[in-house]
Amino acid sequence: MSPTREMDQNPAIAHPTPPRPMHPALTRALDQINGIVLGKDTQVRLCLACLLARGHLLIEDVPGVGKTTLAHALARTLGLDFHRIQFTSDLLPADILGAAVYDRESGQFSFHPGPIFAQVILADEINRASPKAQSALLEAMEEGQVSVEGETRPLPAPFFVIATQNPGDQIGAFPLPESQLDRFLLRIRLGFPERQAERALLRGEDRRDLLAQLAPMLTPGEFVEQQRVARAVHVSDALLDYLQALIAASRADSRFVAGLSPRAGLGLLRASQAWAYLEGRDFAQPEDVQAVLPALVAHRLFPAVGVSRPGEDWAARILLEVAIP
């Protein structure tokens, strides 16, 4: 067997191409965001990996832990045009997509685009809106376009939805349907800060003032190029075997209503490549898959009837049960 073929089949053997450092702008971006959201290095890296993989991001946690601040910091740091939509119970699809308005002077209807026509949409407290309003994002998130007034209109590129939501058991929350949850590549939780980070937060400058001072670390064109480089990260046949084994294990497990979808499988591959790139490598390995899997399955696997949610994380259980080939 040739050395190259052996390396493809055995992830324990290093890829022949030497690692290359992450683009300096991405390093600066991580540092800048970590300076705003303190003590959450792993979550911030997951967020950036999600966007590099061209995925949408869901941030779920109790109010007041920095969900909206993180979303603002991501959009500003990446230099992308963004709009914030505050989701409320009376929000209508037209408030998101736009609508045709009659012009008296011309005697015709003209389309007034809604806030969704931006590169980054911050859907703040998305589960506060009704399912009808939530559904306005489905086509946009999947196809990068919207159909309004009988016409299909493309959205800017790149296009991301960064959504925040409160836990579903809180008053006034409408749970997102499974079809929409599956369109989010990753879901993260921030949690309360550790003592040292919270002390720095209490002693430091107001986060809103810091956000106003953020400078973009990349241009939109540079970020698109970084997405292309991340997509080119090498994936061996052996790693694909491992990834497929994890997906198959989720589908065969009777504890879940359903396993991971093909969309989730593609997302796991892309997120693993992006994580490997942020680690300074041009090849992916099992550790990259293991790093992103918890955030990928957190909003996709639901317990079957009569099965209580296990105390340990489901991703950890799947990883323990599936051997690395």
C-alpha atoms as a PDB file:
ATOM      1  CA  MET A   1       0.000   0.000   0.000  1.00  0.00           C
ATOM      2  CA  SER A   2       1.338   3.452  -0.875  1.00  0.00           C
ATOM      3  CA  PRO A   3       2.093   5.893   1.995  1.00  0.00           C
ATOM      4  CA  THR A   4      -0.563   8.309   0.752  1.00  0.00           C
ATOM      5  CA  ARG A   5      -3.231   5.585   0.662  1.00  0.00           C
ATOM      6  CA  GLU A   6      -2.223   4.395   4.120  1.00  0.00           C
ATOM      7  CA  MET A   7      -2.560   7.922   5.496  1.00  0.00           C
ATOM      8  CA  ASP A   8      -6.014   8.253   3.946  1.00  0.00           C
ATOM      9  CA  GLN A   9      -7.157   5.048   5.593  1.00  0.00           C
ATOM     10  CA  ASN A  10      -5.625   5.661   9.017  1.00  0.00           C
ATOM     11  CA  PRO A  11      -6.505   8.963  10.727  1.00  0.00           C
ATOM     12  CA  ALA A  12      -3.852   8.316  13.355  1.00  0.00           C
ATOM     13  CA  ILE A  13      -1.166   8.924  10.708  1.00  0.00           C
ATOM     14  CA  ALA A  14      -0.544  12.596   9.997  1.00  0.00           C
ATOM     15  CA  HIS A  15      -1.517  14.023   6.643  1.00  0.00           C
ATOM     16  CA  PRO A  16       1.541  14.607   4.446  1.00  0.00           C
ATOM     17  CA  THR A  17       0.870  18.321   3.986  1.00  0.00           C
ATOM     18  CA  PRO A  18       2.380  20.326   6.875  1.00  0.00           C
ATOM     19  CA  PRO A  19      -0.078  22.397   8.916  1.00  0.00           C
ATOM     20  CA  ARG A  20      -0.478  26.018   7.936  1.00  0.00           C
ATOM     21  CA  PRO A  21      -1.373  28.730  10.418  1.00  0.00           C
ATOM     22  CA  MET A  22      -4.856  30.164  10.571  1.00  0.00           C
ATOM     23  CA  HIS A  23      -5.305  33.411   8.665  1.00  0.00           C
ATOM     24  CA  PRO A  24      -4.119  36.285  10.930  1.00  0.00           C
ATOM     25  CA  ALA A  25      -7.435  38.082  10.475  1.00  0.00           C
ATOM     26  CA  LEU A  26      -9.314  35.099  11.944  1.00  0.00           C
ATOM     27  CA  THR A  27      -6.927  35.047  14.904  1.00  0.00           C
ATOM     28  CA  ARG A  28      -7.605  38.729  15.493  1.00  0.00           C
ATOM     29  CA  ALA A  29     -11.335  38.100  15.113  1.00  0.00           C
ATOM     30  CA  LEU A  30     -11.288  35.402  17.797  1.00  0.00           C
ATOM     31  CA  ASP A  31      -9.279  37.633  20.117  1.00  0.00           C
ATOM     32  CA  GLN A  32     -11.621  40.574  19.610  1.00  0.00           C
ATOM     33  CA  ILE A  33     -14.783  38.573  20.267  1.00  0.00           C
ATOM     34  CA  ASN A  34     -13.221  36.917  23.323  1.00  0.00           C
ATOM     35  CA  GLY A  35     -12.499  40.396  24.628  1.00  0.00           C
ATOM     36  CA  ILE A  36     -16.230  41.125  24.577  1.00  0.00           C
ATOM     37  CA  VAL A  37     -17.641  37.751  25.698  1.00  0.00           C
ATOM     38  CA  LEU A  38     -15.334  36.761  28.540  1.00  0.00           C
ATOM     39  CA  GLY A  39     -14.439  33.218  29.485  1.00  0.00           C
ATOM     40  CA  LYS A  40     -16.249  31.521  26.592  1.00  0.00           C
ATOM     41  CA  ASP A  41     -13.389  30.622  24.264  1.00  0.00           C
ATOM     42  CA  THR A  42     -14.829  27.273  23.150  1.00  0.00           C
ATOM     43  CA  GLN A  43     -18.276  28.708  22.410  1.00  0.00           C
ATOM     44  CA  VAL A  44     -16.777  31.602  20.442  1.00  0.00           C
ATOM     45  CA  ARG A  45     -14.663  29.187  18.381  1.00  0.00           C
ATOM     46  CA  LEU A  46     -17.748  27.072  17.675  1.00  0.00           C
ATOM     47  CA  CYS A  47     -19.586  30.177  16.487  1.00  0.00           C
ATOM     48  CA  LEU A  48     -16.818  31.136  14.095  1.00  0.00           C
ATOM     49  CA  ALA A  49     -16.534  27.543  12.845  1.00  0.00           C
ATOM     50  CA  CYS A  50     -20.275  27.549  12.180  1.00  0.00           C
ATOM     51  CA  LEU A  51     -20.089  30.671  10.028  1.00  0.00           C
ATOM     52  CA  LEU A  52     -16.964  29.458   8.222  1.00  0.00           C
ATOM     53  CA  ALA A  53     -18.930  26.311   7.369  1.00  0.00           C
ATOM     54  CA  ARG A  54     -21.685  28.529   5.880  1.00  0.00           C
ATOM     55  CA  GLY A  55     -24.145  27.486   8.552  1.00  0.00           C
ATOM     56  CA  HIS A  56     -26.707  29.288  10.668  1.00  0.00           C
ATOM     57  CA  LEU A  57     -26.189  29.602  14.398  1.00  0.00           C
ATOM     58  CA  LEU A  58     -28.616  29.172  17.302  1.00  0.00           C
ATOM     59  CA  ILE A  59     -27.665  30.550  20.721  1.00  0.00           C
ATOM     60  CA  GLU A  60     -29.948  29.312  23.488  1.00  0.00           C
ATOM     61  CA  ASP A  61     -29.796  30.224  27.167  1.00  0.00           C
ATOM     62  CA  VAL A  62     -31.505  32.123  29.939  1.00  0.00           C
ATOM     63  CA  PRO A  63     -31.789  35.916  29.546  1.00  0.00           C
ATOM     64  CA  GLY A  64     -28.847  38.053  30.501  1.00  0.00           C
ATOM     65  CA  VAL A  65     -25.836  35.820  29.799  1.00  0.00           C
ATOM     66  CA  GLY A  66     -24.633  37.617  26.656  1.00  0.00           C
ATOM     67  CA  LYS A  67     -26.438  35.935  23.735  1.00  0.00           C
ATOM     68  CA  THR A  68     -27.247  39.157  21.906  1.00  0.00           C
ATOM     69  CA  THR A  69     -23.855  40.645  22.748  1.00  0.00           C
ATOM     70  CA  LEU A  70     -22.112  37.654  21.173  1.00  0.00           C
ATOM     71  CA  ALA A  71     -24.234  37.889  18.033  1.00  0.00           C
ATOM     72  CA  HIS A  72     -23.471  41.622  17.686  1.00  0.00           C
ATOM     73  CA  ALA A  73     -19.764  41.002  18.221  1.00  0.00           C
ATOM     74  CA  LEU A  74     -19.688  38.300  15.528  1.00  0.00           C
ATOM     75  CA  ALA A  75     -21.408  40.465  12.928  1.00  0.00           C
ATOM     76  CA  ARG A  76     -19.307  43.552  13.607  1.00  0.00           C
ATOM     77  CA  THR A  77     -16.015  41.660  13.759  1.00  0.00           C
ATOM     78  CA  LEU A  78     -16.608  39.859  10.455  1.00  0.00           C
ATOM     79  CA  GLY A  79     -17.343  43.157   8.715  1.00  0.00           C
ATOM     80  CA  LEU A  80     -20.729  42.049   7.406  1.00  0.00           C
ATOM     81  CA  ASP A  81     -23.826  44.157   6.915  1.00  0.00           C
ATOM     82  CA  PHE A  82     -26.378  43.104   9.517  1.00  0.00           C
ATOM     83  CA  HIS A  83     -29.876  43.835  10.742  1.00  0.00           C
ATOM     84  CA  ARG A  84     -31.393  42.984  14.074  1.00  0.00           C
ATOM     85  CA  ILE A  85     -34.978  41.752  14.186  1.00  0.00           C
ATOM     86  CA  GLN A  86     -36.601  41.674  17.605  1.00  0.00           C
ATOM     87  CA  PHE A  87     -39.029  38.760  17.474  1.00  0.00           C
ATOM     88  CA  THR A  88     -42.278  39.405  19.343  1.00  0.00           C
ATOM     89  CA  SER A  89     -45.664  37.736  19.476  1.00  0.00           C
ATOM     90  CA  ASP A  90     -47.208  40.282  17.074  1.00  0.00           C
ATOM     91  CA  LEU A  91     -44.440  40.051  14.436  1.00  0.00           C
ATOM     92  CA  LEU A  92     -45.725  39.299  10.913  1.00  0.00           C
ATOM     93  CA  PRO A  93     -43.864  37.672   7.988  1.00  0.00           C
ATOM     94  CA  ALA A  94     -44.084  40.956   6.067  1.00  0.00           C
ATOM     95  CA  ASP A  95     -42.183  42.649   8.910  1.00  0.00           C
ATOM     96  CA  ILE A  96     -39.283  40.336   8.079  1.00  0.00           C
ATOM     97  CA  LEU A  97     -39.497  39.875   4.310  1.00  0.00           C
ATOM     98  CA  GLY A  98     -40.922  43.204   3.190  1.00  0.00           C
ATOM     99  CA  ALA A  99     -44.055  44.025   1.228  1.00  0.00           C
ATOM    100  CA  ALA A 100     -45.373  45.799  -1.840  1.00  0.00           C
ATOM    101  CA  VAL A 101     -46.488  49.362  -1.114  1.00  0.00           C
ATOM    102  CA  TYR A 102     -48.733  51.438  -3.395  1.00  0.00           C
ATOM    103  CA  ASP A 103     -47.099  54.583  -4.757  1.00  0.00           C
ATOM    104  CA  ARG A 104     -49.654  57.293  -5.462  1.00  0.00           C
ATOM    105  CA  GLU A 105     -47.378  59.250  -7.774  1.00  0.00           C
ATOM    106  CA  SER A 106     -46.604  56.358 -10.110  1.00  0.00           C
ATOM    107  CA  GLY A 107     -49.895  54.548  -9.577  1.00  0.00           C
ATOM    108  CA  GLN A 108     -48.005  51.288  -9.105  1.00  0.00           C
ATOM    109  CA  PHE A 109     -46.944  48.973  -6.330  1.00  0.00           C
ATOM    110  CA  SER A 110     -43.238  48.959  -5.428  1.00  0.00           C
ATOM    111  CA  PHE A 111     -41.497  46.419  -3.260  1.00  0.00           C
ATOM    112  CA  HIS A 112     -39.995  47.652  -0.016  1.00  0.00           C
ATOM    113  CA  PRO A 113     -37.459  45.079   1.207  1.00  0.00           C
ATOM    114  CA  GLY A 114     -37.575  43.997   4.828  1.00  0.00           C
ATOM    115  CA  PRO A 115     -34.651  43.631   7.231  1.00  0.00           C
ATOM    116  CA  ILE A 116     -33.907  40.103   6.001  1.00  0.00           C
ATOM    117  CA  PHE A 117     -32.012  41.613   3.067  1.00  0.00           C
ATOM    118  CA  ALA A 118     -28.702  41.791   4.912  1.00  0.00           C
ATOM    119  CA  GLN A 119     -25.669  39.541   5.165  1.00  0.00           C
ATOM    120  CA  VAL A 120     -26.226  38.765   8.840  1.00  0.00           C
ATOM    121  CA  ILE A 121     -29.646  38.620  10.470  1.00  0.00           C
ATOM    122  CA  LEU A 122     -29.757  38.732  14.232  1.00  0.00           C
ATOM    123  CA  ALA A 123     -33.074  37.054  15.041  1.00  0.00           C
ATOM    124  CA  ASP A 124     -33.284  38.076  18.675  1.00  0.00           C
ATOM    125  CA  GLU A 125     -35.482  35.858  20.885  1.00  0.00           C
ATOM    126  CA  ILE A 126     -36.732  33.999  17.834  1.00  0.00           C
ATOM    127  CA  ASN A 127     -39.035  31.767  19.875  1.00  0.00           C
ATOM    128  CA  ARG A 128     -41.016  34.759  21.134  1.00  0.00           C
ATOM    129  CA  ALA A 129     -42.672  35.058  17.721  1.00  0.00           C
ATOM    130  CA  SER A 130     -45.544  32.942  16.450  1.00  0.00           C
ATOM    131  CA  PRO A 131     -44.852  29.921  14.206  1.00  0.00           C
ATOM    132  CA  LYS A 132     -46.200  31.914  11.235  1.00  0.00           C
ATOM    133  CA  ALA A 133     -43.529  34.574  11.693  1.00  0.00           C
ATOM    134  CA  GLN A 134     -40.831  31.974  12.349  1.00  0.00           C
ATOM    135  CA  SER A 135     -41.668  30.232   9.076  1.00  0.00           C
ATOM    136  CA  ALA A 136     -40.690  33.356   7.139  1.00  0.00           C
ATOM    137  CA  LEU A 137     -37.055  32.341   7.665  1.00  0.00           C
ATOM    138  CA  LEU A 138     -37.328  28.783   6.309  1.00  0.00           C
ATOM    139  CA  GLU A 139     -36.700  29.482   2.611  1.00  0.00           C
ATOM    140  CA  ALA A 140     -34.096  32.132   3.386  1.00  0.00           C
ATOM    141  CA  MET A 141     -32.070  29.810   5.608  1.00  0.00           C
ATOM    142  CA  GLU A 142     -32.107  26.896   3.196  1.00  0.00           C
ATOM    143  CA  GLU A 143     -31.882  28.528  -0.229  1.00  0.00           C
ATOM    144  CA  GLY A 144     -30.570  32.059   0.326  1.00  0.00           C
ATOM    145  CA  GLN A 145     -33.668  33.572  -1.267  1.00  0.00           C
ATOM    146  CA  VAL A 146     -37.201  34.630  -0.380  1.00  0.00           C
ATOM    147  CA  SER A 147     -40.464  34.525  -2.311  1.00  0.00           C
ATOM    148  CA  VAL A 148     -42.451  37.724  -1.859  1.00  0.00           C
ATOM    149  CA  GLU A 149     -45.411  38.995  -3.857  1.00  0.00           C
ATOM    150  CA  GLY A 150     -45.053  36.131  -6.332  1.00  0.00           C
ATOM    151  CA  GLU A 151     -41.415  36.867  -7.095  1.00  0.00           C
ATOM    152  CA  THR A 152     -38.249  35.106  -5.909  1.00  0.00           C
ATOM    153  CA  ARG A 153     -35.628  37.526  -4.649  1.00  0.00           C
ATOM    154  CA  PRO A 154     -32.024  36.526  -3.870  1.00  0.00           C
ATOM    155  CA  LEU A 155     -30.459  37.486  -0.564  1.00  0.00           C
ATOM    156  CA  PRO A 156     -26.981  38.991  -0.191  1.00  0.00           C
ATOM    157  CA  ALA A 157     -23.980  36.662  -0.029  1.00  0.00           C
ATOM    158  CA  PRO A 158     -22.777  35.545   2.390  1.00  0.00           C
ATOM    159  CA  PHE A 159     -26.048  35.187   4.296  1.00  0.00           C
ATOM    160  CA  PHE A 160     -26.310  34.021   7.902  1.00  0.00           C
ATOM    161  CA  VAL A 161     -29.004  33.843  10.523  1.00  0.00           C
ATOM    162  CA  ILE A 162     -27.751  34.151  14.088  1.00  0.00           C
ATOM    163  CA  ALA A 163     -30.749  33.462  16.298  1.00  0.00           C
ATOM    164  CA  THR A 164     -31.033  33.739  20.056  1.00  0.00           C
ATOM    165  CA  GLN A 165     -33.749  32.019  22.022  1.00  0.00           C
ATOM    166  CA  ASN A 166     -34.784  31.609  25.623  1.00  0.00           C
ATOM    167  CA  PRO A 167     -35.472  28.159  27.092  1.00  0.00           C
ATOM    168  CA  GLY A 168     -38.781  26.766  25.829  1.00  0.00           C
ATOM    169  CA  ASP A 169     -40.268  26.423  29.305  1.00  0.00           C
ATOM    170  CA  GLN A 170     -40.274  30.189  29.838  1.00  0.00           C
ATOM    171  CA  ILE A 171     -43.476  32.217  29.572  1.00  0.00           C
ATOM    172  CA  GLY A 172     -44.368  33.429  26.069  1.00  0.00           C
ATOM    173  CA  ALA A 173     -42.088  31.082  24.136  1.00  0.00           C
ATOM    174  CA  PHE A 174     -43.137  29.189  20.979  1.00  0.00           C
ATOM    175  CA  PRO A 175     -40.889  26.149  20.406  1.00  0.00           C
ATOM    176  CA  LEU A 176     -39.220  26.067  16.995  1.00  0.00           C
ATOM    177  CA  PRO A 177     -40.420  23.166  14.800  1.00  0.00           C
ATOM    178  CA  GLU A 178     -37.967  20.375  14.015  1.00  0.00           C
ATOM    179  CA  SER A 179     -37.798  21.409  10.347  1.00  0.00           C
ATOM    180  CA  GLN A 180     -36.514  24.837  11.323  1.00  0.00           C
ATOM    181  CA  LEU A 181     -34.180  23.597  14.049  1.00  0.00           C
ATOM    182  CA  ASP A 182     -32.524  21.323  11.492  1.00  0.00           C
ATOM    183  CA  ARG A 183     -31.620  24.362   9.411  1.00  0.00           C
ATOM    184  CA  PHE A 184     -29.369  25.654  12.176  1.00  0.00           C
ATOM    185  CA  LEU A 185     -25.957  24.061  11.831  1.00  0.00           C
ATOM    186  CA  LEU A 186     -24.931  24.442  15.491  1.00  0.00           C
ATOM    187  CA  ARG A 187     -26.600  25.329  18.768  1.00  0.00           C
ATOM    188  CA  ILE A 188     -24.581  26.569  21.698  1.00  0.00           C
ATOM    189  CA  ARG A 189     -25.247  27.570  25.285  1.00  0.00           C
ATOM    190  CA  LEU A 190     -23.185  30.210  27.047  1.00  0.00           C
ATOM    191  CA  GLY A 191     -24.010  29.510  30.669  1.00  0.00           C
ATOM    192  CA  PHE A 192     -23.009  31.714  33.566  1.00  0.00           C
ATOM    193  CA  PRO A 193     -19.437  33.060  33.539  1.00  0.00           C
ATOM    194  CA  GLU A 194     -16.783  31.651  35.810  1.00  0.00           C
ATOM    195  CA  ARG A 195     -15.838  33.707  38.847  1.00  0.00           C
ATOM    196  CA  GLN A 196     -12.714  35.279  37.342  1.00  0.00           C
ATOM    197  CA  ALA A 197     -14.466  36.183  34.083  1.00  0.00           C
ATOM    198  CA  GLU A 198     -17.428  37.636  35.965  1.00  0.00           C
ATOM    199  CA  ARG A 199     -15.103  39.758  38.096  1.00  0.00           C
ATOM    200  CA  ALA A 200     -13.493  41.141  34.934  1.00  0.00           C
ATOM    201  CA  LEU A 201     -16.980  41.777  33.557  1.00  0.00           C
ATOM    202  CA  LEU A 202     -17.996  43.682  36.684  1.00  0.00           C
ATOM    203  CA  ARG A 203     -14.796  45.715  36.749  1.00  0.00           C
ATOM    204  CA  GLY A 204     -14.604  46.352  33.023  1.00  0.00           C
ATOM    205  CA  GLU A 205     -16.176  48.767  30.583  1.00  0.00           C
ATOM    206  CA  ASP A 206     -19.823  48.459  29.618  1.00  0.00           C
ATOM    207  CA  ARG A 207     -20.262  45.838  26.869  1.00  0.00           C
ATOM    208  CA  ARG A 208     -22.449  48.174  24.794  1.00  0.00           C
ATOM    209  CA  ASP A 209     -19.668  50.761  24.729  1.00  0.00           C
ATOM    210  CA  LEU A 210     -17.154  48.099  23.725  1.00  0.00           C
ATOM    211  CA  LEU A 211     -19.404  46.865  20.919  1.00  0.00           C
ATOM    212  CA  ALA A 212     -19.582  50.376  19.492  1.00  0.00           C
ATOM    213  CA  GLN A 213     -15.774  50.443  19.308  1.00  0.00           C
ATOM    214  CA  LEU A 214     -15.358  47.146  17.448  1.00  0.00           C
ATOM    215  CA  ALA A 215     -13.585  47.313  14.102  1.00  0.00           C
ATOM    216  CA  PRO A 216     -14.117  44.750  11.330  1.00  0.00           C
ATOM    217  CA  MET A 217     -11.256  42.269  11.036  1.00  0.00           C
ATOM    218  CA  LEU A 218     -12.173  41.143   7.498  1.00  0.00           C
ATOM    219  CA  THR A 219     -14.035  42.398   4.465  1.00  0.00           C
ATOM    220  CA  PRO A 220     -16.974  40.355   3.123  1.00  0.00           C
ATOM    221  CA  GLY A 221     -14.815  39.213   0.205  1.00  0.00           C
ATOM    222  CA  GLU A 222     -12.032  38.066   2.548  1.00  0.00           C
ATOM    223  CA  PHE A 223     -14.479  36.130   4.684  1.00  0.00           C
ATOM    224  CA  VAL A 224     -15.921  34.368   1.627  1.00  0.00           C
ATOM    225  CA  GLU A 225     -12.359  33.390   0.678  1.00  0.00           C
ATOM    226  CA  GLN A 226     -11.794  31.984   4.184  1.00  0.00           C
ATOM    227  CA  GLN A 227     -14.969  29.928   3.781  1.00  0.00           C
ATOM    228  CA  ARG A 228     -13.556  28.529   0.540  1.00  0.00           C
ATOM    229  CA  VAL A 229     -10.262  27.617   2.210  1.00  0.00           C
ATOM    230  CA  ALA A 230     -12.070  25.927   5.100  1.00  0.00           C
ATOM    231  CA  ARG A 231     -14.177  23.905   2.645  1.00  0.00           C
ATOM    232  CA  ALA A 232     -10.952  22.636   1.018  1.00  0.00           C
ATOM    233  CA  VAL A 233      -9.648  21.045   4.252  1.00  0.00           C
ATOM    234  CA  HIS A 234      -8.728  17.417   3.489  1.00  0.00           C
ATOM    235  CA  VAL A 235     -11.052  14.658   4.737  1.00  0.00           C
ATOM    236  CA  SER A 236      -9.786  11.077   4.523  1.00  0.00           C
ATOM    237  CA  ASP A 237     -11.907   8.055   3.670  1.00  0.00           C
ATOM    238  CA  ALA A 238     -11.320   6.727   7.181  1.00  0.00           C
ATOM    239  CA  LEU A 239     -12.696   9.923   8.704  1.00  0.00           C
ATOM    240  CA  LEU A 240     -15.764   9.699   6.471  1.00  0.00           C
ATOM    241  CA  ASP A 241     -16.245   6.141   7.754  1.00  0.00           C
ATOM    242  CA  TYR A 242     -16.183   7.476  11.313  1.00  0.00           C
ATOM    243  CA  LEU A 243     -18.598  10.282  10.510  1.00  0.00           C
ATOM    244  CA  GLN A 244     -21.048   7.886   8.837  1.00  0.00           C
ATOM    245  CA  ALA A 245     -20.799   5.480  11.773  1.00  0.00           C
ATOM    246  CA  LEU A 246     -21.818   8.278  14.154  1.00  0.00           C
ATOM    247  CA  ILE A 247     -24.792   9.196  11.964  1.00  0.00           C
ATOM    248  CA  ALA A 248     -25.865   5.553  11.648  1.00  0.00           C
ATOM    249  CA  ALA A 249     -25.624   5.090  15.426  1.00  0.00           C
ATOM    250  CA  SER A 250     -28.006   8.003  16.000  1.00  0.00           C
ATOM    251  CA  ARG A 251     -30.523   6.522  13.551  1.00  0.00           C
ATOM    252  CA  ALA A 252     -30.375   3.027  15.047  1.00  0.00           C
ATOM    253  CA  ASP A 253     -30.769   4.236  18.639  1.00  0.00           C
ATOM    254  CA  SER A 254     -34.291   3.573  19.936  1.00  0.00           C
ATOM    255  CA  ARG A 255     -33.900   6.327  22.522  1.00  0.00           C
ATOM    256  CA  PHE A 256     -34.407   8.955  19.811  1.00  0.00           C
ATOM    257  CA  VAL A 257     -37.484   9.796  17.761  1.00  0.00           C
ATOM    258  CA  ALA A 258     -35.264   9.994  14.691  1.00  0.00           C
ATOM    259  CA  GLY A 259     -31.569  10.101  13.992  1.00  0.00           C
ATOM    260  CA  LEU A 260     -29.477  12.721  12.276  1.00  0.00           C
ATOM    261  CA  SER A 261     -30.688  13.815   8.835  1.00  0.00           C
ATOM    262  CA  PRO A 262     -28.538  13.935   5.671  1.00  0.00           C
ATOM    263  CA  ARG A 263     -28.450  17.712   6.127  1.00  0.00           C
ATOM    264  CA  ALA A 264     -27.017  17.163   9.593  1.00  0.00           C
ATOM    265  CA  GLY A 265     -24.418  14.776   8.164  1.00  0.00           C
ATOM    266  CA  LEU A 266     -23.264  17.351   5.635  1.00  0.00           C
ATOM    267  CA  GLY A 267     -23.203  19.955   8.378  1.00  0.00           C
ATOM    268  CA  LEU A 268     -21.079  17.718  10.594  1.00  0.00           C
ATOM    269  CA  LEU A 269     -18.567  17.325   7.780  1.00  0.00           C
ATOM    270  CA  ARG A 270     -18.377  21.068   7.031  1.00  0.00           C
ATOM    271  CA  ALA A 271     -18.199  22.056  10.703  1.00  0.00           C
ATOM    272  CA  SER A 272     -15.395  19.540  11.289  1.00  0.00           C
ATOM    273  CA  GLN A 273     -13.441  20.988   8.390  1.00  0.00           C
ATOM    274  CA  ALA A 274     -13.919  24.529   9.724  1.00  0.00           C
ATOM    275  CA  TRP A 275     -12.845  23.471  13.227  1.00  0.00           C
ATOM    276  CA  ALA A 276      -9.717  21.825  11.809  1.00  0.00           C
ATOM    277  CA  TYR A 277      -8.915  25.027   9.906  1.00  0.00           C
ATOM    278  CA  LEU A 278      -9.283  27.112  13.069  1.00  0.00           C
ATOM    279  CA  GLU A 279      -6.878  24.666  14.726  1.00  0.00           C
ATOM    280  CA  GLY A 280      -4.279  25.507  12.066  1.00  0.00           C
ATOM    281  CA  ARG A 281      -4.544  22.303  10.014  1.00  0.00           C
ATOM    282  CA  ASP A 282      -5.467  21.623   6.401  1.00  0.00           C
ATOM    283  CA  PHE A 283      -6.704  18.120   7.224  1.00  0.00           C
ATOM    284  CA  ALA A 284      -9.511  17.012   9.533  1.00  0.00           C
ATOM    285  CA  GLN A 285      -9.196  14.291  12.154  1.00  0.00           C
ATOM    286  CA  PRO A 286     -11.555  12.526  14.610  1.00  0.00           C
ATOM    287  CA  GLU A 287     -10.931  15.139  17.314  1.00  0.00           C
ATOM    288  CA  ASP A 288     -12.484  17.788  15.063  1.00  0.00           C
ATOM    289  CA  VAL A 289     -15.653  15.734  14.609  1.00  0.00           C
ATOM    290  CA  GLN A 290     -15.820  15.134  18.359  1.00  0.00           C
ATOM    291  CA  ALA A 291     -15.385  18.855  19.072  1.00  0.00           C
ATOM    292  CA  VAL A 292     -18.382  19.976  16.996  1.00  0.00           C
ATOM    293  CA  LEU A 293     -20.728  16.985  17.440  1.00  0.00           C
ATOM    294  CA  PRO A 294     -22.292  18.127  20.767  1.00  0.00           C
ATOM    295  CA  ALA A 295     -23.333  21.477  19.273  1.00  0.00           C
ATOM    296  CA  LEU A 296     -24.666  19.744  16.154  1.00  0.00           C
ATOM    297  CA  VAL A 297     -26.900  17.165  17.886  1.00  0.00           C
ATOM    298  CA  ALA A 298     -28.085  19.360  20.773  1.00  0.00           C
ATOM    299  CA  HIS A 299     -31.142  20.610  18.862  1.00  0.00           C
ATOM    300  CA  ARG A 300     -31.693  17.614  16.567  1.00  0.00           C
ATOM    301  CA  LEU A 301     -32.090  14.522  18.767  1.00  0.00           C
ATOM    302  CA  PHE A 302     -35.340  14.210  20.692  1.00  0.00           C
ATOM    303  CA  PRO A 303     -36.236  11.446  23.171  1.00  0.00           C
ATOM    304  CA  ALA A 304     -38.651   8.755  22.045  1.00  0.00           C
ATOM    305  CA  VAL A 305     -41.975   8.309  23.820  1.00  0.00           C
ATOM    306  CA  GLY A 306     -41.403   6.952  27.299  1.00  0.00           C
ATOM    307  CA  VAL A 307     -37.714   7.796  27.311  1.00  0.00           C
ATOM    308  CA  SER A 308     -36.569  10.424  29.749  1.00  0.00           C
ATOM    309  CA  ARG A 309     -33.692  12.649  28.797  1.00  0.00           C
ATOM    310  CA  PRO A 310     -30.510  10.950  30.056  1.00  0.00           C
ATOM    311  CA  GLY A 311     -28.395  12.710  32.631  1.00  0.00           C
ATOM    312  CA  GLU A 312     -25.288  12.688  30.476  1.00  0.00           C
ATOM    313  CA  ASP A 313     -25.008  14.389  27.144  1.00  0.00           C
ATOM    314  CA  TRP A 314     -26.281  12.344  24.205  1.00  0.00           C
ATOM    315  CA  ALA A 315     -23.344  13.306  22.030  1.00  0.00           C
ATOM    316  CA  ALA A 316     -20.976  11.957  24.661  1.00  0.00           C
ATOM    317  CA  ARG A 317     -22.889   8.666  24.735  1.00  0.00           C
ATOM    318  CA  ILE A 318     -22.751   8.303  20.953  1.00  0.00           C
ATOM    319  CA  LEU A 319     -19.038   9.061  20.931  1.00  0.00           C
ATOM    320  CA  LEU A 320     -18.438   6.442  23.592  1.00  0.00           C
ATOM    321  CA  GLU A 321     -20.435   3.816  21.728  1.00  0.00           C
ATOM    322  CA  VAL A 322     -18.864   4.374  18.280  1.00  0.00           C
ATOM    323  CA  ALA A 323     -15.246   3.322  17.896  1.00  0.00           C
ATOM    324  CA  ILE A 324     -12.816   5.269  15.748  1.00  0.00           C
ATOM    325  CA  PRO A 325     -12.160   3.028  12.688  1.00  0.00           C
END
